[in-house]
């Protein structure tokens, strides 16, 4: 790799506040906020809107959309 052109790859905490869930991983993402992790060290923290703890696909709280009748409903509504 070329020197001084790549971002720093380091440990970062990603936090999903809606699900009260956080995980430590490595990333090049940067943040001005920090958090003290379970191991006693301080890491940058990045707040995310959705994680596996809050996404409906992973939690099983997803809605089932009725796509089979969508075309028929459209034709009925607009007379075609």
N, C-alpha and C. Protein backbone atom coordinates (compact mmCIF):
# COMPACT_ATOMS: atom_id res chain seq x y z
N UNK A 1 0.83 -1.18 0.00
CA UNK A 1 0.00 0.00 0.00
C UNK A 1 0.88 1.25 0.00
N UNK A 2 0.38 2.28 -0.64
CA UNK A 2 1.09 3.55 -0.63
C UNK A 2 0.98 4.19 0.74
N UNK A 3 1.99 4.88 1.15
CA UNK A 3 2.01 5.54 2.45
C UNK A 3 1.19 6.82 2.42
N UNK A 4 0.54 7.12 3.54
CA UNK A 4 -0.14 8.39 3.81
C UNK A 4 -1.32 8.70 2.88
N UNK A 5 -1.93 7.71 2.21
CA UNK A 5 -3.11 8.00 1.41
C UNK A 5 -4.34 7.25 1.91
N UNK A 6 -4.16 6.28 2.77
CA UNK A 6 -5.26 5.47 3.27
C UNK A 6 -5.71 5.96 4.64
N UNK A 7 -7.02 5.92 4.91
CA UNK A 7 -7.50 6.32 6.24
C UNK A 7 -7.06 5.31 7.29
N UNK A 8 -7.02 5.77 8.53
CA UNK A 8 -6.60 4.91 9.64
C UNK A 8 -7.67 3.83 9.89
N UNK A 9 -7.23 2.60 10.00
CA UNK A 9 -8.11 1.46 10.25
C UNK A 9 -7.95 1.09 11.71
N UNK A 10 -9.00 1.31 12.51
CA UNK A 10 -8.89 1.13 13.96
C UNK A 10 -10.20 0.61 14.54
N UNK A 11 -10.17 0.31 15.81
CA UNK A 11 -11.37 -0.17 16.51
C UNK A 11 -12.35 0.99 16.70
N UNK A 12 -13.63 0.73 16.40
CA UNK A 12 -14.70 1.73 16.50
C UNK A 12 -15.93 1.04 17.07
N UNK A 13 -16.69 1.75 17.89
CA UNK A 13 -17.95 1.24 18.43
C UNK A 13 -19.09 1.82 17.61
N UNK A 14 -19.96 0.96 17.11
CA UNK A 14 -21.18 1.38 16.44
C UNK A 14 -22.33 1.18 17.41
N UNK A 15 -23.15 2.22 17.60
CA UNK A 15 -24.20 2.19 18.61
C UNK A 15 -25.55 2.48 17.98
N UNK A 16 -26.52 1.61 18.26
CA UNK A 16 -27.90 1.79 17.83
C UNK A 16 -28.69 2.16 19.08
N UNK A 17 -28.97 3.44 19.23
CA UNK A 17 -29.65 3.92 20.44
C UNK A 17 -31.09 3.45 20.53
N UNK A 18 -31.76 3.25 19.40
CA UNK A 18 -33.15 2.83 19.43
C UNK A 18 -33.30 1.43 20.01
N UNK A 19 -32.29 0.59 19.83
CA UNK A 19 -32.36 -0.78 20.34
C UNK A 19 -31.47 -0.98 21.56
N UNK A 20 -30.79 0.08 22.00
CA UNK A 20 -29.85 0.00 23.12
C UNK A 20 -28.84 -1.13 22.87
N UNK A 21 -28.19 -1.06 21.71
CA UNK A 21 -27.26 -2.10 21.27
C UNK A 21 -26.01 -1.45 20.71
N UNK A 22 -24.86 -1.98 21.07
CA UNK A 22 -23.59 -1.47 20.54
C UNK A 22 -22.66 -2.63 20.30
N UNK A 23 -21.79 -2.47 19.31
CA UNK A 23 -20.80 -3.50 19.04
C UNK A 23 -19.49 -2.86 18.62
N UNK A 24 -18.41 -3.53 18.96
CA UNK A 24 -17.06 -3.07 18.67
C UNK A 24 -16.54 -3.81 17.45
N UNK A 25 -16.05 -3.07 16.49
CA UNK A 25 -15.48 -3.66 15.29
C UNK A 25 -14.38 -2.74 14.78
N UNK A 26 -13.76 -3.10 13.69
CA UNK A 26 -12.73 -2.26 13.11
C UNK A 26 -13.29 -1.56 11.89
N UNK A 27 -12.90 -0.28 11.73
CA UNK A 27 -13.44 0.52 10.65
C UNK A 27 -12.53 1.70 10.36
N UNK A 28 -12.73 2.32 9.21
CA UNK A 28 -12.03 3.56 8.88
C UNK A 28 -12.90 4.77 9.18
N UNK A 29 -14.13 4.55 9.63
CA UNK A 29 -15.04 5.66 9.95
C UNK A 29 -14.49 6.46 11.12
N UNK A 30 -14.70 7.77 11.08
CA UNK A 30 -14.19 8.62 12.14
C UNK A 30 -15.34 9.30 12.86
N UNK A 31 -15.07 9.71 14.10
CA UNK A 31 -16.07 10.38 14.91
C UNK A 31 -15.38 11.23 15.97
N UNK A 32 -16.03 12.32 16.35
CA UNK A 32 -15.50 13.16 17.42
C UNK A 32 -15.94 12.66 18.78
N UNK A 33 -16.99 11.85 18.82
CA UNK A 33 -17.50 11.31 20.08
C UNK A 33 -16.73 10.06 20.47
N UNK A 34 -16.59 9.83 21.76
CA UNK A 34 -15.92 8.62 22.26
C UNK A 34 -16.79 7.97 23.32
N UNK A 35 -16.49 6.71 23.58
CA UNK A 35 -17.21 5.94 24.60
C UNK A 35 -16.22 5.00 25.27
N UNK A 36 -16.42 4.78 26.56
CA UNK A 36 -15.59 3.81 27.26
C UNK A 36 -16.25 2.45 27.12
N UNK A 37 -15.54 1.49 26.54
CA UNK A 37 -16.07 0.17 26.25
C UNK A 37 -15.90 -0.74 27.45
N UNK A 38 -16.44 -1.94 27.37
CA UNK A 38 -16.43 -2.91 28.46
C UNK A 38 -15.02 -3.30 28.90
N UNK A 39 -14.05 -3.20 28.00
CA UNK A 39 -12.68 -3.56 28.35
C UNK A 39 -11.91 -2.42 29.02
N UNK A 40 -12.59 -1.28 29.25
CA UNK A 40 -11.97 -0.15 29.94
C UNK A 40 -11.27 0.83 29.02
N UNK A 41 -11.18 0.54 27.74
CA UNK A 41 -10.54 1.44 26.80
C UNK A 41 -11.56 2.38 26.18
N UNK A 42 -11.08 3.52 25.69
CA UNK A 42 -11.94 4.50 25.06
C UNK A 42 -11.82 4.39 23.55
N UNK A 43 -12.98 4.32 22.87
CA UNK A 43 -13.02 4.16 21.42
C UNK A 43 -13.93 5.24 20.82
N UNK A 44 -13.72 5.58 19.55
CA UNK A 44 -14.68 6.46 18.88
C UNK A 44 -16.01 5.73 18.74
N UNK A 45 -17.12 6.47 18.84
CA UNK A 45 -18.44 5.87 18.73
C UNK A 45 -19.20 6.53 17.59
N UNK A 46 -19.88 5.71 16.81
CA UNK A 46 -20.69 6.19 15.69
C UNK A 46 -22.12 5.70 15.91
N UNK A 47 -23.05 6.65 15.96
CA UNK A 47 -24.46 6.31 16.14
C UNK A 47 -25.07 5.97 14.79
N UNK A 48 -25.76 4.84 14.74
CA UNK A 48 -26.41 4.40 13.50
C UNK A 48 -27.92 4.36 13.72
N UNK A 49 -28.68 4.52 12.64
CA UNK A 49 -30.13 4.51 12.72
C UNK A 49 -30.69 3.09 12.81
N UNK A 50 -30.05 2.16 12.11
CA UNK A 50 -30.56 0.79 12.05
C UNK A 50 -29.40 -0.18 12.21
N UNK A 51 -29.62 -1.21 13.00
CA UNK A 51 -28.64 -2.29 13.14
C UNK A 51 -29.41 -3.61 13.11
N UNK A 52 -28.69 -4.70 13.27
CA UNK A 52 -29.36 -6.00 13.27
C UNK A 52 -30.29 -6.14 14.47
N UNK A 53 -30.09 -5.34 15.51
CA UNK A 53 -30.95 -5.40 16.69
C UNK A 53 -32.27 -4.66 16.49
N UNK A 54 -32.33 -3.76 15.49
CA UNK A 54 -33.56 -2.99 15.30
C UNK A 54 -34.19 -3.14 13.92
N UNK A 55 -33.51 -3.79 12.99
CA UNK A 55 -34.05 -3.94 11.64
C UNK A 55 -35.13 -5.02 11.63
N UNK A 56 -36.29 -4.73 11.03
CA UNK A 56 -37.40 -5.70 11.04
C UNK A 56 -37.06 -7.05 10.43
N UNK A 57 -36.17 -7.10 9.45
CA UNK A 57 -35.82 -8.37 8.84
C UNK A 57 -35.16 -9.30 9.86
N UNK A 58 -34.29 -8.76 10.71
CA UNK A 58 -33.57 -9.58 11.68
C UNK A 58 -34.37 -9.82 12.95
N UNK A 59 -35.26 -8.90 13.30
CA UNK A 59 -36.01 -9.04 14.54
C UNK A 59 -37.30 -9.83 14.36
N UNK A 60 -37.77 -10.00 13.12
CA UNK A 60 -39.00 -10.73 12.87
C UNK A 60 -40.24 -9.89 13.04
N UNK A 61 -40.08 -8.58 13.17
CA UNK A 61 -41.22 -7.68 13.34
C UNK A 61 -41.59 -6.99 12.03
N UNK A 62 -41.23 -7.59 10.92
CA UNK A 62 -41.50 -6.97 9.62
C UNK A 62 -42.95 -7.10 9.21
N UNK A 63 -43.37 -6.18 8.34
CA UNK A 63 -44.72 -6.23 7.80
C UNK A 63 -44.71 -7.07 6.53
N UNK A 64 -45.80 -7.74 6.30
CA UNK A 64 -45.96 -8.48 5.06
C UNK A 64 -46.75 -7.60 4.12
N UNK A 65 -46.16 -7.26 2.99
CA UNK A 65 -46.82 -6.39 2.03
C UNK A 65 -47.58 -7.23 1.03
N UNK A 66 -48.77 -6.78 0.70
CA UNK A 66 -49.60 -7.48 -0.28
C UNK A 66 -49.23 -6.98 -1.66
N UNK A 67 -48.34 -7.69 -2.32
CA UNK A 67 -47.92 -7.27 -3.65
C UNK A 67 -48.67 -8.02 -4.74
N UNK A 68 -49.36 -9.09 -4.37
CA UNK A 68 -50.06 -9.88 -5.40
C UNK A 68 -51.24 -9.14 -5.98
N UNK A 69 -51.93 -8.33 -5.19
CA UNK A 69 -53.10 -7.63 -5.69
C UNK A 69 -52.83 -6.18 -6.05
N UNK A 70 -51.59 -5.77 -6.07
CA UNK A 70 -51.26 -4.36 -6.31
C UNK A 70 -51.65 -3.92 -7.71
N UNK A 71 -51.40 -4.73 -8.71
CA UNK A 71 -51.72 -4.35 -10.10
C UNK A 71 -53.23 -4.30 -10.28
N UNK A 72 -53.95 -5.27 -9.73
CA UNK A 72 -55.39 -5.28 -9.84
C UNK A 72 -56.02 -4.08 -9.14
N UNK A 73 -55.50 -3.71 -7.99
CA UNK A 73 -56.01 -2.54 -7.28
C UNK A 73 -55.77 -1.28 -8.10
N UNK A 74 -54.62 -1.18 -8.73
CA UNK A 74 -54.31 -0.01 -9.57
C UNK A 74 -55.27 0.08 -10.74
N UNK A 75 -55.48 -1.05 -11.43
CA UNK A 75 -56.39 -1.05 -12.59
C UNK A 75 -57.82 -0.72 -12.16
N UNK A 76 -58.25 -1.24 -11.01
CA UNK A 76 -59.59 -0.97 -10.53
C UNK A 76 -59.75 0.51 -10.17
N UNK A 77 -58.74 1.08 -9.55
CA UNK A 77 -58.80 2.46 -9.12
C UNK A 77 -58.80 3.44 -10.28
N UNK A 78 -58.01 3.16 -11.31
CA UNK A 78 -57.87 4.08 -12.42
C UNK A 78 -58.61 3.62 -13.67
N UNK A 79 -59.45 2.61 -13.56
CA UNK A 79 -60.34 2.21 -14.64
C UNK A 79 -59.68 1.58 -15.85
N UNK A 80 -58.64 0.88 -15.67
CA UNK A 80 -57.98 0.23 -16.83
C UNK A 80 -57.99 -1.25 -16.66
